[in-house]
């Protein structure tokens, strides 16, 4: 593994970890009022494309980070749709 991929892995850990507390907080509080559904849909689609790109260039860092972020953002979208109708 070269130093460029290590830098990518560090970035992946930091950015993905930063996203997880919001998912947890939303799951616990069920408060989704401040979330913009169009923004999260665009974000989710963008992350899917980053994941596809990571697979195509065979970047472990991009694949790991974007796989976790796809799941996390999907959960936030699910919470927004489920809890936003209250």
PDB file of N, CA and C in Angstrom:
ATOM      1  N   UNK A   1       0.855  -1.172   0.000  1.00  0.00           N
ATOM      2  CA  UNK A   1       0.000   0.000   0.000  1.00  0.00           C
ATOM      3  C   UNK A   1       0.906   1.242   0.000  1.00  0.00           C
ATOM      4  N   UNK A   2       0.661   2.137  -0.932  1.00  0.00           N
ATOM      5  CA  UNK A   2       1.518   3.320  -1.030  1.00  0.00           C
ATOM      6  C   UNK A   2       0.996   4.467  -0.154  1.00  0.00           C
ATOM      7  N   UNK A   3       1.803   5.496  -0.028  1.00  0.00           N
ATOM      8  CA  UNK A   3       1.452   6.607   0.866  1.00  0.00           C
ATOM      9  C   UNK A   3       0.212   7.359   0.400  1.00  0.00           C
ATOM     10  N   UNK A   4      -0.052   7.376  -0.903  1.00  0.00           N
ATOM     11  CA  UNK A   4      -1.250   8.061  -1.402  1.00  0.00           C
ATOM     12  C   UNK A   4      -2.513   7.350  -0.908  1.00  0.00           C
ATOM     13  N   UNK A   5      -2.504   6.035  -0.958  1.00  0.00           N
ATOM     14  CA  UNK A   5      -3.662   5.270  -0.475  1.00  0.00           C
ATOM     15  C   UNK A   5      -3.810   5.410   1.044  1.00  0.00           C
ATOM     16  N   UNK A   6      -2.714   5.508   1.765  1.00  0.00           N
ATOM     17  CA  UNK A   6      -2.764   5.719   3.217  1.00  0.00           C
ATOM     18  C   UNK A   6      -3.401   7.072   3.527  1.00  0.00           C
ATOM     19  N   UNK A   7      -3.025   8.096   2.779  1.00  0.00           N
ATOM     20  CA  UNK A   7      -3.655   9.412   2.954  1.00  0.00           C
ATOM     21  C   UNK A   7      -5.161   9.303   2.681  1.00  0.00           C
ATOM     22  N   UNK A   8      -5.519   8.579   1.649  1.00  0.00           N
ATOM     23  CA  UNK A   8      -6.932   8.358   1.332  1.00  0.00           C
ATOM     24  C   UNK A   8      -7.664   7.620   2.435  1.00  0.00           C
ATOM     25  N   UNK A   9      -7.020   6.627   3.021  1.00  0.00           N
ATOM     26  CA  UNK A   9      -7.648   5.883   4.123  1.00  0.00           C
ATOM     27  C   UNK A   9      -7.852   6.769   5.347  1.00  0.00           C
ATOM     28  N   UNK A  10      -6.887   7.611   5.652  1.00  0.00           N
ATOM     29  CA  UNK A  10      -7.040   8.540   6.782  1.00  0.00           C
ATOM     30  C   UNK A  10      -8.206   9.485   6.526  1.00  0.00           C
ATOM     31  N   UNK A  11      -8.267  10.039   5.315  1.00  0.00           N
ATOM     32  CA  UNK A  11      -9.384  10.916   4.950  1.00  0.00           C
ATOM     33  C   UNK A  11     -10.707  10.167   5.036  1.00  0.00           C
ATOM     34  N   UNK A  12     -10.725   8.936   4.581  1.00  0.00           N
ATOM     35  CA  UNK A  12     -11.946   8.126   4.606  1.00  0.00           C
ATOM     36  C   UNK A  12     -12.431   7.892   6.028  1.00  0.00           C
ATOM     37  N   UNK A  13     -11.521   7.550   6.912  1.00  0.00           N
ATOM     38  CA  UNK A  13     -11.889   7.311   8.315  1.00  0.00           C
ATOM     39  C   UNK A  13     -12.441   8.582   8.949  1.00  0.00           C
ATOM     40  N   UNK A  14     -11.766   9.693   8.732  1.00  0.00           N
ATOM     41  CA  UNK A  14     -12.200  10.948   9.353  1.00  0.00           C
ATOM     42  C   UNK A  14     -13.556  11.416   8.823  1.00  0.00           C
ATOM     43  N   UNK A  15     -13.733  11.440   7.515  1.00  0.00           N
ATOM     44  CA  UNK A  15     -14.988  11.956   6.965  1.00  0.00           C
ATOM     45  C   UNK A  15     -16.160  11.013   7.221  1.00  0.00           C
ATOM     46  N   UNK A  16     -15.905   9.722   7.164  1.00  0.00           N
ATOM     47  CA  UNK A  16     -16.984   8.763   7.426  1.00  0.00           C
ATOM     48  C   UNK A  16     -17.371   8.775   8.901  1.00  0.00           C
ATOM     49  N   UNK A  17     -16.394   8.824   9.776  1.00  0.00           N
ATOM     50  CA  UNK A  17     -16.657   8.871  11.212  1.00  0.00           C
ATOM     51  C   UNK A  17     -17.417  10.135  11.588  1.00  0.00           C
ATOM     52  N   UNK A  18     -17.112  11.240  10.941  1.00  0.00           N
ATOM     53  CA  UNK A  18     -17.803  12.503  11.236  1.00  0.00           C
ATOM     54  C   UNK A  18     -19.286  12.426  10.905  1.00  0.00           C
ATOM     55  N   UNK A  19     -19.665  11.599   9.973  1.00  0.00           N
ATOM     56  CA  UNK A  19     -21.056  11.477   9.544  1.00  0.00           C
ATOM     57  C   UNK A  19     -21.885  10.603  10.495  1.00  0.00           C
ATOM     58  N   UNK A  20     -21.261   9.656  11.153  1.00  0.00           N
ATOM     59  CA  UNK A  20     -21.987   8.667  11.961  1.00  0.00           C
ATOM     60  C   UNK A  20     -22.734   9.245  13.174  1.00  0.00           C
ATOM     61  N   UNK A  21     -22.206  10.236  13.902  1.00  0.00           N
ATOM     62  CA  UNK A  21     -22.973  10.772  15.027  1.00  0.00           C
ATOM     63  C   UNK A  21     -24.328  11.366  14.615  1.00  0.00           C
ATOM     64  N   UNK A  22     -24.394  11.947  13.418  1.00  0.00           N
ATOM     65  CA  UNK A  22     -25.669  12.495  12.953  1.00  0.00           C
ATOM     66  C   UNK A  22     -26.679  11.384  12.706  1.00  0.00           C
ATOM     67  N   UNK A  23     -26.218  10.287  12.157  1.00  0.00           N
ATOM     68  CA  UNK A  23     -27.104   9.147  11.933  1.00  0.00           C
ATOM     69  C   UNK A  23     -27.623   8.632  13.269  1.00  0.00           C
ATOM     70  N   UNK A  24     -26.740   8.490  14.234  1.00  0.00           N
ATOM     71  CA  UNK A  24     -27.138   7.999  15.554  1.00  0.00           C
ATOM     72  C   UNK A  24     -28.117   8.965  16.223  1.00  0.00           C
ATOM     73  N   UNK A  25     -27.809  10.254  16.189  1.00  0.00           N
ATOM     74  CA  UNK A  25     -28.678  11.256  16.816  1.00  0.00           C
ATOM     75  C   UNK A  25     -30.064  11.253  16.170  1.00  0.00           C
ATOM     76  N   UNK A  26     -30.103  11.170  14.869  1.00  0.00           N
ATOM     77  CA  UNK A  26     -31.388  11.156  14.164  1.00  0.00           C
ATOM     78  C   UNK A  26     -32.175   9.904  14.514  1.00  0.00           C
ATOM     79  N   UNK A  27     -31.501   8.787  14.604  1.00  0.00           N
ATOM     80  CA  UNK A  27     -32.158   7.532  14.958  1.00  0.00           C
ATOM     81  C   UNK A  27     -32.747   7.618  16.367  1.00  0.00           C
ATOM     82  N   UNK A  28     -32.000   8.195  17.298  1.00  0.00           N
ATOM     83  CA  UNK A  28     -32.470   8.290  18.684  1.00  0.00           C
ATOM     84  C   UNK A  28     -33.577   9.324  18.862  1.00  0.00           C
ATOM     85  N   UNK A  29     -33.424  10.512  18.271  1.00  0.00           N
ATOM     86  CA  UNK A  29     -34.387  11.599  18.486  1.00  0.00           C
ATOM     87  C   UNK A  29     -35.544  11.578  17.501  1.00  0.00           C
ATOM     88  N   UNK A  30     -35.342  10.952  16.364  1.00  0.00           N
ATOM     89  CA  UNK A  30     -36.328  10.926  15.282  1.00  0.00           C
ATOM     90  C   UNK A  30     -36.669  12.327  14.779  1.00  0.00           C
ATOM     91  N   UNK A  31     -35.758  13.261  15.002  1.00  0.00           N
ATOM     92  CA  UNK A  31     -35.945  14.647  14.568  1.00  0.00           C
ATOM     93  C   UNK A  31     -35.275  14.846  13.210  1.00  0.00           C
ATOM     94  N   UNK A  32     -36.108  15.012  12.181  1.00  0.00           N
ATOM     95  CA  UNK A  32     -35.590  15.179  10.820  1.00  0.00           C
ATOM     96  C   UNK A  32     -36.058  16.494  10.189  1.00  0.00           C
ATOM     97  N   UNK A  33     -36.633  17.359  10.990  1.00  0.00           N
ATOM     98  CA  UNK A  33     -37.169  18.610  10.455  1.00  0.00           C
ATOM     99  C   UNK A  33     -36.143  19.438   9.703  1.00  0.00           C
ATOM    100  N   UNK A  34     -34.926  19.493  10.196  1.00  0.00           N
ATOM    101  CA  UNK A  34     -33.918  20.371   9.592  1.00  0.00           C
ATOM    102  C   UNK A  34     -33.243  19.755   8.366  1.00  0.00           C
ATOM    103  N   UNK A  35     -33.540  18.498   8.040  1.00  0.00           N
ATOM    104  CA  UNK A  35     -32.921  17.855   6.888  1.00  0.00           C
ATOM    105  C   UNK A  35     -33.659  18.205   5.604  1.00  0.00           C
ATOM    106  N   UNK A  36     -32.918  18.552   4.600  1.00  0.00           N
ATOM    107  CA  UNK A  36     -33.469  18.839   3.279  1.00  0.00           C
ATOM    108  C   UNK A  36     -33.476  17.544   2.476  1.00  0.00           C
ATOM    109  N   UNK A  37     -34.660  17.063   2.116  1.00  0.00           N
ATOM    110  CA  UNK A  37     -34.758  15.825   1.351  1.00  0.00           C
ATOM    111  C   UNK A  37     -34.065  15.946  -0.010  1.00  0.00           C
ATOM    112  N   UNK A  38     -34.279  17.033  -0.770  1.00  0.00           N
ATOM    113  CA  UNK A  38     -33.564  17.138  -2.051  1.00  0.00           C
ATOM    114  C   UNK A  38     -32.036  17.108  -1.872  1.00  0.00           C
ATOM    115  N   UNK A  39     -31.523  17.778  -0.853  1.00  0.00           N
ATOM    116  CA  UNK A  39     -30.082  17.780  -0.619  1.00  0.00           C
ATOM    117  C   UNK A  39     -29.581  16.371  -0.323  1.00  0.00           C
ATOM    118  N   UNK A  40     -30.297  15.639   0.513  1.00  0.00           N
ATOM    119  CA  UNK A  40     -29.842  14.284   0.848  1.00  0.00           C
ATOM    120  C   UNK A  40     -29.955  13.344  -0.339  1.00  0.00           C
ATOM    121  N   UNK A  41     -30.967  13.527  -1.188  1.00  0.00           N
ATOM    122  CA  UNK A  41     -31.069  12.692  -2.387  1.00  0.00           C
ATOM    123  C   UNK A  41     -29.887  12.942  -3.313  1.00  0.00           C
ATOM    124  N   UNK A  42     -29.547  14.203  -3.527  1.00  0.00           N
ATOM    125  CA  UNK A  42     -28.408  14.548  -4.372  1.00  0.00           C
ATOM    126  C   UNK A  42     -27.118  14.020  -3.751  1.00  0.00           C
ATOM    127  N   UNK A  43     -26.960  14.199  -2.448  1.00  0.00           N
ATOM    128  CA  UNK A  43     -25.786  13.706  -1.731  1.00  0.00           C
ATOM    129  C   UNK A  43     -25.660  12.188  -1.882  1.00  0.00           C
ATOM    130  N   UNK A  44     -26.764  11.467  -1.680  1.00  0.00           N
ATOM    131  CA  UNK A  44     -26.789  10.008  -1.765  1.00  0.00           C
ATOM    132  C   UNK A  44     -26.365   9.546  -3.161  1.00  0.00           C
ATOM    133  N   UNK A  45     -26.914  10.169  -4.189  1.00  0.00           N
ATOM    134  CA  UNK A  45     -26.562   9.810  -5.563  1.00  0.00           C
ATOM    135  C   UNK A  45     -25.081  10.106  -5.820  1.00  0.00           C
ATOM    136  N   UNK A  46     -24.605  11.233  -5.317  1.00  0.00           N
ATOM    137  CA  UNK A  46     -23.185  11.566  -5.467  1.00  0.00           C
ATOM    138  C   UNK A  46     -22.283  10.546  -4.817  1.00  0.00           C
ATOM    139  N   UNK A  47     -22.639  10.107  -3.627  1.00  0.00           N
ATOM    140  CA  UNK A  47     -21.837   9.099  -2.926  1.00  0.00           C
ATOM    141  C   UNK A  47     -21.862   7.769  -3.686  1.00  0.00           C
ATOM    142  N   UNK A  48     -23.015   7.417  -4.258  1.00  0.00           N
ATOM    143  CA  UNK A  48     -23.067   6.199  -5.073  1.00  0.00           C
ATOM    144  C   UNK A  48     -22.082   6.286  -6.237  1.00  0.00           C
ATOM    145  N   UNK A  49     -22.029   7.449  -6.883  1.00  0.00           N
ATOM    146  CA  UNK A  49     -21.085   7.616  -7.982  1.00  0.00           C
ATOM    147  C   UNK A  49     -19.634   7.566  -7.503  1.00  0.00           C
ATOM    148  N   UNK A  50     -19.346   8.142  -6.323  1.00  0.00           N
ATOM    149  CA  UNK A  50     -17.991   8.038  -5.768  1.00  0.00           C
ATOM    150  C   UNK A  50     -17.641   6.580  -5.491  1.00  0.00           C
ATOM    151  N   UNK A  51     -18.613   5.808  -5.007  1.00  0.00           N
ATOM    152  CA  UNK A  51     -18.375   4.391  -4.748  1.00  0.00           C
ATOM    153  C   UNK A  51     -18.065   3.655  -6.051  1.00  0.00           C
ATOM    154  N   UNK A  52     -18.857   3.908  -7.075  1.00  0.00           N
ATOM    155  CA  UNK A  52     -18.616   3.283  -8.376  1.00  0.00           C
ATOM    156  C   UNK A  52     -17.225   3.670  -8.894  1.00  0.00           C
ATOM    157  N   UNK A  53     -16.889   4.944  -8.780  1.00  0.00           N
ATOM    158  CA  UNK A  53     -15.578   5.425  -9.201  1.00  0.00           C
ATOM    159  C   UNK A  53     -14.468   4.704  -8.426  1.00  0.00           C
ATOM    160  N   UNK A  54     -14.637   4.582  -7.122  1.00  0.00           N
ATOM    161  CA  UNK A  54     -13.647   3.896  -6.298  1.00  0.00           C
ATOM    162  C   UNK A  54     -13.437   2.456  -6.726  1.00  0.00           C
ATOM    163  N   UNK A  55     -14.535   1.785  -7.083  1.00  0.00           N
ATOM    164  CA  UNK A  55     -14.430   0.403  -7.559  1.00  0.00           C
ATOM    165  C   UNK A  55     -13.674   0.374  -8.891  1.00  0.00           C
ATOM    166  N   UNK A  56     -14.011   1.298  -9.771  1.00  0.00           N
ATOM    167  CA  UNK A  56     -13.374   1.313 -11.092  1.00  0.00           C
ATOM    168  C   UNK A  56     -11.880   1.611 -11.025  1.00  0.00           C
ATOM    169  N   UNK A  57     -11.468   2.488 -10.105  1.00  0.00           N
ATOM    170  CA  UNK A  57     -10.029   2.785  -9.986  1.00  0.00           C
ATOM    171  C   UNK A  57      -9.345   1.905  -8.947  1.00  0.00           C
ATOM    172  N   UNK A  58     -10.131   1.001  -8.342  1.00  0.00           N
ATOM    173  CA  UNK A  58      -9.615   0.035  -7.363  1.00  0.00           C
ATOM    174  C   UNK A  58      -8.962   0.704  -6.156  1.00  0.00           C
ATOM    175  N   UNK A  59      -9.648   1.708  -5.629  1.00  0.00           N
ATOM    176  CA  UNK A  59      -9.135   2.424  -4.455  1.00  0.00           C
ATOM    177  C   UNK A  59      -9.834   1.900  -3.205  1.00  0.00           C
ATOM    178  N   UNK A  60      -9.084   1.219  -2.370  1.00  0.00           N
ATOM    179  CA  UNK A  60      -9.630   0.672  -1.126  1.00  0.00           C
ATOM    180  C   UNK A  60     -10.239   1.785  -0.272  1.00  0.00           C
ATOM    181  N   UNK A  61      -9.538   2.904  -0.166  1.00  0.00           N
ATOM    182  CA  UNK A  61     -10.018   4.019   0.662  1.00  0.00           C
ATOM    183  C   UNK A  61     -11.372   4.517   0.180  1.00  0.00           C
ATOM    184  N   UNK A  62     -11.515   4.717  -1.101  1.00  0.00           N
ATOM    185  CA  UNK A  62     -12.777   5.220  -1.637  1.00  0.00           C
ATOM    186  C   UNK A  62     -13.891   4.188  -1.499  1.00  0.00           C
ATOM    187  N   UNK A  63     -13.572   2.946  -1.695  1.00  0.00           N
ATOM    188  CA  UNK A  63     -14.580   1.892  -1.588  1.00  0.00           C
ATOM    189  C   UNK A  63     -15.078   1.780  -0.149  1.00  0.00           C
ATOM    190  N   UNK A  64     -14.161   1.748   0.812  1.00  0.00           N
ATOM    191  CA  UNK A  64     -14.556   1.624   2.219  1.00  0.00           C
ATOM    192  C   UNK A  64     -15.363   2.834   2.693  1.00  0.00           C
ATOM    193  N   UNK A  65     -14.818   4.013   2.450  1.00  0.00           N
ATOM    194  CA  UNK A  65     -15.486   5.230   2.927  1.00  0.00           C
ATOM    195  C   UNK A  65     -16.860   5.391   2.298  1.00  0.00           C
ATOM    196  N   UNK A  66     -16.931   5.217   1.003  1.00  0.00           N
ATOM    197  CA  UNK A  66     -18.203   5.454   0.333  1.00  0.00           C
ATOM    198  C   UNK A  66     -19.212   4.341   0.571  1.00  0.00           C
ATOM    199  N   UNK A  67     -18.765   3.127   0.819  1.00  0.00           N
ATOM    200  CA  UNK A  67     -19.694   2.052   1.187  1.00  0.00           C
ATOM    201  C   UNK A  67     -20.378   2.379   2.511  1.00  0.00           C
ATOM    202  N   UNK A  68     -19.576   2.781   3.484  1.00  0.00           N
ATOM    203  CA  UNK A  68     -20.137   3.127   4.794  1.00  0.00           C
ATOM    204  C   UNK A  68     -21.023   4.372   4.688  1.00  0.00           C
ATOM    205  N   UNK A  69     -20.598   5.356   3.920  1.00  0.00           N
ATOM    206  CA  UNK A  69     -21.376   6.586   3.788  1.00  0.00           C
ATOM    207  C   UNK A  69     -22.665   6.346   3.007  1.00  0.00           C
ATOM    208  N   UNK A  70     -22.660   5.450   2.024  1.00  0.00           N
ATOM    209  CA  UNK A  70     -23.894   5.098   1.318  1.00  0.00           C
ATOM    210  C   UNK A  70     -24.896   4.514   2.303  1.00  0.00           C
ATOM    211  N   UNK A  71     -24.441   3.619   3.147  1.00  0.00           N
ATOM    212  CA  UNK A  71     -25.341   3.006   4.137  1.00  0.00           C
ATOM    213  C   UNK A  71     -25.838   4.065   5.120  1.00  0.00           C
ATOM    214  N   UNK A  72     -24.945   4.899   5.616  1.00  0.00           N
ATOM    215  CA  UNK A  72     -25.324   5.945   6.572  1.00  0.00           C
ATOM    216  C   UNK A  72     -26.300   6.943   5.964  1.00  0.00           C
ATOM    217  N   UNK A  73     -26.018   7.386   4.751  1.00  0.00           N
ATOM    218  CA  UNK A  73     -26.908   8.368   4.129  1.00  0.00           C
ATOM    219  C   UNK A  73     -28.233   7.731   3.747  1.00  0.00           C
ATOM    220  N   UNK A  74     -28.220   6.451   3.389  1.00  0.00           N
ATOM    221  CA  UNK A  74     -29.476   5.754   3.132  1.00  0.00           C
ATOM    222  C   UNK A  74     -30.330   5.721   4.400  1.00  0.00           C
ATOM    223  N   UNK A  75     -29.686   5.458   5.535  1.00  0.00           N
ATOM    224  CA  UNK A  75     -30.422   5.460   6.803  1.00  0.00           C
ATOM    225  C   UNK A  75     -31.022   6.838   7.090  1.00  0.00           C
ATOM    226  N   UNK A  76     -30.262   7.903   6.850  1.00  0.00           N
ATOM    227  CA  UNK A  76     -30.800   9.247   7.057  1.00  0.00           C
ATOM    228  C   UNK A  76     -31.960   9.535   6.113  1.00  0.00           C
ATOM    229  N   UNK A  77     -31.854   9.103   4.866  1.00  0.00           N
ATOM    230  CA  UNK A  77     -32.975   9.266   3.929  1.00  0.00           C
ATOM    231  C   UNK A  77     -34.196   8.491   4.411  1.00  0.00           C
ATOM    232  N   UNK A  78     -33.977   7.280   4.862  1.00  0.00           N
ATOM    233  CA  UNK A  78     -35.070   6.463   5.401  1.00  0.00           C
ATOM    234  C   UNK A  78     -35.721   7.152   6.592  1.00  0.00           C
ATOM    235  N   UNK A  79     -34.889   7.665   7.518  1.00  0.00           N
ATOM    236  CA  UNK A  79     -35.424   8.373   8.683  1.00  0.00           C
ATOM    237  C   UNK A  79     -36.199   9.607   8.259  1.00  0.00           C
ATOM    238  N   UNK A  80     -35.698  10.340   7.277  1.00  0.00           N
ATOM    239  CA  UNK A  80     -36.365  11.554   6.804  1.00  0.00           C
ATOM    240  C   UNK A  80     -37.745  11.216   6.250  1.00  0.00           C
ATOM    241  N   UNK A  81     -37.817  10.163   5.484  1.00  0.00           N
ATOM    242  CA  UNK A  81     -39.106   9.765   4.898  1.00  0.00           C
ATOM    243  C   UNK A  81     -40.025   9.202   5.973  1.00  0.00           C
ATOM    244  N   UNK A  82     -39.503   8.349   6.846  1.00  0.00           N
ATOM    245  CA  UNK A  82     -40.328   7.708   7.880  1.00  0.00           C
ATOM    246  C   UNK A  82     -40.794   8.700   8.942  1.00  0.00           C
ATOM    247  N   UNK A  83     -39.889   9.499   9.481  1.00  0.00           N
ATOM    248  CA  UNK A  83     -40.211  10.383  10.607  1.00  0.00           C
ATOM    249  C   UNK A  83     -40.649  11.766  10.169  1.00  0.00           C
ATOM    250  N   UNK A  84     -40.452  12.105   8.922  1.00  0.00           N
ATOM    251  CA  UNK A  84     -40.803  13.433   8.446  1.00  0.00           C
ATOM    252  C   UNK A  84     -42.296  13.640   8.268  1.00  0.00           C
ATOM    253  N   UNK A  85     -43.075  12.602   8.299  1.00  0.00           N
ATOM    254  CA  UNK A  85     -44.513  12.691   8.075  1.00  0.00           C
ATOM    255  C   UNK A  85     -45.308  12.879   9.364  1.00  0.00           C
ATOM    256  N   UNK A  86     -44.634  13.060  10.464  1.00  0.00           N
ATOM    257  CA  UNK A  86     -45.315  13.199  11.757  1.00  0.00           C
ATOM    258  C   UNK A  86     -45.828  14.588  11.961  1.00  0.00           C
TER     259      UNK A  86
END
